[in-house]
Amino acid sequence: KSVSKWGCFFEGMEMFDAGFFKISPREAKSMDPQHRMLLECAWECIESAGDDPAELQDLREEVNVYVGIQASEYQSRVSEEDPQFSASGNALSTSAGRVSYFLGLTGVAMAIDTACSSSLVSLVYGAKSVERGESIVSLCFGVNAVVTPSTMIGLSQAGMLSEDGRCKTFDQKANGYVRGEGCGAVMIKKRKPEQEMFEAIIRGYAINQDGRSNGLTAPN
């Protein structure tokens, strides 16, 4: 059982307009919900940035896609049901490739797994790509779906879940974290002087490793 009854969940994960994304109902059923959320958020993100998703393919090789994603819990539920689609529908690498495929993009498409920091690391890769001129646009994502109890049980046994449902990062009172699911997406462009429509400016970024600490998964 889980030591924590807490989690950040949302209803309606099964709601997916497969036809809009030119995916058959049979294939959609075998697709990890994370893939579905990525497609939906990609479209919404591009529109929110004031661009037309259908016209983004005009840039093709100038658009990179980075997806922070850690695992596919859904695969254990469908791997034997429809092998034709379950393999590609649950592979982490395909999560980024599916976005590029649908939007007609030919730039970098990369799935990034650095555990809890996966989404931020994808943001760093996207920012570096634009700053260095390797791309004009970077689409960066973070996605997670909690669809089986096994991971929750394993994390509980490892003492990694907060029993009081509170994350206390870097605090002496820290007693674990709270799992959640959802998807976030940002479009990164190099800011132009005449450009007024933007949500935030990335001032800097860095990536490192904790090195030795009091445990493999504990921060230093």
Protein backbone atom coordinates (compact mmCIF):
# COMPACT_ATOMS: atom_id res chain seq x y z
CA LYS A 1 0.00 0.00 0.00
CA SER A 2 1.00 3.66 -0.20
CA VAL A 3 2.11 5.51 2.91
CA SER A 4 0.60 8.67 1.45
CA LYS A 5 -2.96 9.26 0.35
CA TRP A 6 -1.93 12.48 -1.34
CA GLY A 7 -1.40 13.14 -5.02
CA CYS A 8 -2.08 15.74 -7.68
CA PHE A 9 -4.43 14.05 -10.14
CA PHE A 10 -6.88 15.22 -12.76
CA GLU A 11 -9.93 13.65 -14.30
CA GLY A 12 -10.59 13.24 -18.00
CA MET A 13 -7.21 11.85 -19.01
CA GLU A 14 -9.00 9.40 -21.30
CA MET A 15 -10.60 12.27 -23.22
CA PHE A 16 -8.68 12.57 -26.48
CA ASP A 17 -9.75 13.75 -29.93
CA ALA A 18 -7.85 11.12 -31.90
CA GLY A 19 -9.36 12.19 -35.22
CA PHE A 20 -8.08 15.75 -34.84
CA PHE A 21 -4.54 14.41 -34.55
CA LYS A 22 -5.10 11.95 -37.41
CA ILE A 23 -4.78 8.93 -35.15
CA SER A 24 -7.09 5.93 -35.34
CA PRO A 25 -9.14 4.95 -32.26
CA ARG A 26 -7.29 1.62 -32.16
CA GLU A 27 -3.87 3.29 -32.07
CA ALA A 28 -5.04 5.92 -29.58
CA LYS A 29 -6.12 3.20 -27.16
CA SER A 30 -2.58 1.81 -27.11
CA MET A 31 -0.97 5.24 -26.73
CA ASP A 32 0.41 6.32 -23.38
CA PRO A 33 -1.78 9.15 -22.04
CA GLN A 34 1.44 11.16 -21.83
CA HIS A 35 1.67 11.10 -25.63
CA ARG A 36 -1.90 12.30 -25.90
CA MET A 37 -1.30 15.16 -23.47
CA LEU A 38 1.84 16.18 -25.35
CA LEU A 39 -0.04 16.54 -28.62
CA GLU A 40 -2.81 18.54 -26.98
CA CYS A 41 -0.41 20.82 -25.11
CA ALA A 42 1.79 21.34 -28.16
CA TRP A 43 -1.16 22.67 -30.14
CA GLU A 44 -2.37 24.86 -27.28
CA CYS A 45 1.12 26.19 -26.57
CA ILE A 46 1.76 27.23 -30.16
CA GLU A 47 -1.60 28.97 -30.40
CA SER A 48 -1.04 30.70 -27.07
CA ALA A 49 2.25 32.04 -28.43
CA GLY A 50 0.34 33.68 -31.27
CA ASP A 51 1.39 31.23 -33.98
CA ASP A 52 -0.51 28.87 -36.24
CA PRO A 53 0.45 25.23 -35.53
CA ALA A 54 -0.35 24.29 -39.11
CA GLU A 55 2.16 26.84 -40.41
CA LEU A 56 4.97 25.97 -38.01
CA GLN A 57 6.12 23.27 -40.41
CA ASP A 58 7.27 26.04 -42.74
CA LEU A 59 10.28 26.31 -40.43
CA ARG A 60 10.73 22.52 -40.37
CA GLU A 61 14.39 21.92 -39.46
CA GLU A 62 14.52 25.16 -37.46
CA VAL A 63 12.17 23.85 -34.74
CA ASN A 64 13.47 21.53 -32.00
CA VAL A 65 11.35 19.47 -29.60
CA TYR A 66 12.48 18.47 -26.11
CA VAL A 67 10.26 16.35 -23.85
CA GLY A 68 10.94 15.79 -20.17
CA ILE A 69 9.48 12.36 -19.46
CA GLN A 70 10.49 9.71 -16.97
CA ALA A 71 8.58 6.50 -17.54
CA SER A 72 5.55 4.86 -19.12
CA GLU A 73 3.36 3.23 -16.50
CA TYR A 74 0.70 2.67 -19.15
CA GLN A 75 2.83 0.17 -21.05
CA SER A 76 2.28 -2.55 -18.48
CA ARG A 77 -1.47 -2.30 -19.10
CA VAL A 78 -1.48 -2.54 -22.88
CA SER A 79 1.71 -4.31 -23.99
CA GLU A 80 -0.09 -7.59 -24.66
CA GLU A 81 -3.33 -6.13 -26.02
CA ASP A 82 -2.14 -4.64 -29.30
CA PRO A 83 1.59 -5.18 -29.91
CA GLN A 84 1.42 -3.38 -33.25
CA PHE A 85 0.79 -0.02 -31.60
CA SER A 86 1.76 -0.50 -27.95
CA ALA A 87 5.51 -0.47 -28.67
CA SER A 88 5.55 2.91 -30.43
CA GLY A 89 2.68 4.16 -28.29
CA ASN A 90 4.64 3.81 -25.06
CA ALA A 91 8.30 4.34 -25.97
CA LEU A 92 9.79 7.44 -24.37
CA SER A 93 11.66 8.33 -27.57
CA THR A 94 8.40 8.32 -29.51
CA SER A 95 6.89 10.92 -27.19
CA ALA A 96 9.01 13.66 -28.76
CA GLY A 97 8.93 12.14 -32.22
CA ARG A 98 5.14 12.08 -32.21
CA VAL A 99 4.96 15.85 -31.70
CA SER A 100 7.42 16.46 -34.53
CA TYR A 101 5.63 13.99 -36.77
CA PHE A 102 2.23 15.59 -36.31
CA LEU A 103 3.50 19.14 -36.76
CA GLY A 104 5.79 18.23 -39.68
CA LEU A 105 9.00 19.30 -37.92
CA THR A 106 12.42 17.94 -38.88
CA GLY A 107 14.63 19.46 -36.19
CA VAL A 108 15.86 17.74 -33.04
CA ALA A 109 13.26 15.56 -31.30
CA MET A 110 14.58 14.36 -27.96
CA ALA A 111 13.08 12.68 -24.89
CA ILE A 112 14.94 13.59 -21.70
CA ASP A 113 14.83 11.56 -18.49
CA THR A 114 16.61 13.12 -15.51
CA ALA A 115 13.94 12.08 -13.00
CA CYS A 116 12.33 15.02 -11.19
CA SER A 117 14.31 17.60 -13.16
CA SER A 118 13.36 16.28 -16.61
CA SER A 119 11.12 19.20 -17.57
CA LEU A 120 13.63 21.83 -16.47
CA VAL A 121 16.45 20.06 -18.29
CA SER A 122 14.35 20.01 -21.44
CA LEU A 123 13.91 23.77 -20.97
CA VAL A 124 17.68 24.23 -20.71
CA TYR A 125 18.31 22.26 -23.89
CA GLY A 126 15.66 24.31 -25.67
CA ALA A 127 17.09 27.61 -24.45
CA LYS A 128 20.64 26.62 -25.43
CA SER A 129 19.45 25.59 -28.87
CA VAL A 130 17.84 28.97 -29.55
CA GLU A 131 20.63 31.00 -27.95
CA ARG A 132 23.30 29.27 -30.05
CA GLY A 133 21.31 29.66 -33.24
CA GLU A 134 20.81 25.93 -33.66
CA SER A 135 17.07 26.52 -33.94
CA ILE A 136 14.67 29.42 -34.31
CA VAL A 137 12.07 27.85 -32.05
CA SER A 138 12.20 25.22 -29.31
CA LEU A 139 9.14 23.45 -27.96
CA CYS A 140 9.85 22.19 -24.44
CA PHE A 141 7.62 19.90 -22.41
CA GLY A 142 7.27 18.17 -19.09
CA VAL A 143 4.74 15.36 -18.77
CA ASN A 144 3.75 12.66 -16.30
CA ALA A 145 0.85 10.25 -15.87
CA VAL A 146 0.13 8.09 -12.83
CA VAL A 147 -1.88 5.14 -14.10
CA THR A 148 -0.81 2.13 -12.02
CA PRO A 149 -0.40 1.60 -8.26
CA SER A 150 2.93 -0.25 -8.54
CA THR A 151 5.14 2.84 -8.75
CA MET A 152 3.36 4.45 -5.80
CA ILE A 153 3.89 1.29 -3.77
CA GLY A 154 7.56 1.08 -4.72
CA LEU A 155 8.19 4.72 -3.82
CA SER A 156 6.39 4.19 -0.51
CA GLN A 157 8.55 1.21 0.35
CA ALA A 158 11.62 3.29 -0.48
CA GLY A 159 10.45 6.03 1.89
CA MET A 160 10.26 8.63 -0.88
CA LEU A 161 6.64 9.80 -0.50
CA SER A 162 5.55 12.45 1.97
CA GLU A 163 3.16 11.05 4.56
CA ASP A 164 1.61 14.47 5.20
CA GLY A 165 1.23 15.40 1.55
CA ARG A 166 3.68 18.31 1.63
CA CYS A 167 6.89 18.85 -0.34
CA LYS A 168 9.59 20.51 1.79
CA THR A 169 12.46 20.69 -0.67
CA PHE A 170 15.91 21.22 0.93
CA ASP A 171 14.27 21.59 4.35
CA GLN A 172 15.45 19.64 7.39
CA LYS A 173 11.82 18.59 7.87
CA ALA A 174 11.60 17.09 4.37
CA ASN A 175 10.01 13.64 4.47
CA GLY A 176 9.41 12.86 0.81
CA TYR A 177 7.52 14.32 -2.09
CA VAL A 178 4.02 14.25 -3.55
CA ARG A 179 3.41 12.69 -6.94
CA GLY A 180 1.40 14.45 -9.59
CA GLU A 181 0.39 14.19 -13.20
CA GLY A 182 -0.15 16.59 -16.04
CA CYS A 183 1.64 18.28 -18.90
CA GLY A 184 3.28 21.66 -19.39
CA ALA A 185 4.66 23.21 -22.56
CA VAL A 186 6.58 26.36 -23.47
CA MET A 187 7.72 27.80 -26.79
CA ILE A 188 11.14 29.44 -26.67
CA LYS A 189 12.17 32.09 -29.18
CA LYS A 190 14.95 34.65 -29.25
CA ARG A 191 13.44 37.92 -28.15
CA LYS A 192 13.33 40.70 -30.73
CA PRO A 193 13.23 44.40 -29.77
CA GLU A 194 9.90 44.93 -31.52
CA GLN A 195 8.34 41.80 -30.04
CA GLU A 196 5.92 42.47 -27.21
CA MET A 197 4.09 39.16 -26.87
CA PHE A 198 6.00 36.99 -24.43
CA GLU A 199 5.27 35.41 -21.06
CA ALA A 200 8.74 35.35 -19.55
CA ILE A 201 12.44 35.89 -20.23
CA ILE A 202 15.00 33.19 -19.46
CA ARG A 203 17.92 34.98 -17.79
CA GLY A 204 20.16 31.98 -17.23
CA TYR A 205 20.36 28.24 -16.75
CA ALA A 206 22.69 25.50 -15.58
CA ILE A 207 22.76 21.74 -15.10
CA ASN A 208 24.79 19.74 -12.61
CA GLN A 209 24.71 16.57 -10.52
CA ASP A 210 24.60 16.32 -6.73
CA GLY A 211 27.56 13.98 -6.52
CA ARG A 212 27.82 12.10 -3.26
CA SER A 213 25.08 12.66 -0.69
CA ASN A 214 23.39 10.57 1.98
CA GLY A 215 21.73 8.48 -0.73
CA LEU A 216 21.48 8.03 -4.49
CA THR A 217 18.17 9.87 -4.72
CA ALA A 218 18.83 12.46 -1.99
CA PRO A 219 19.89 16.01 -2.91
CA ASN A 220 23.17 17.42 -1.64
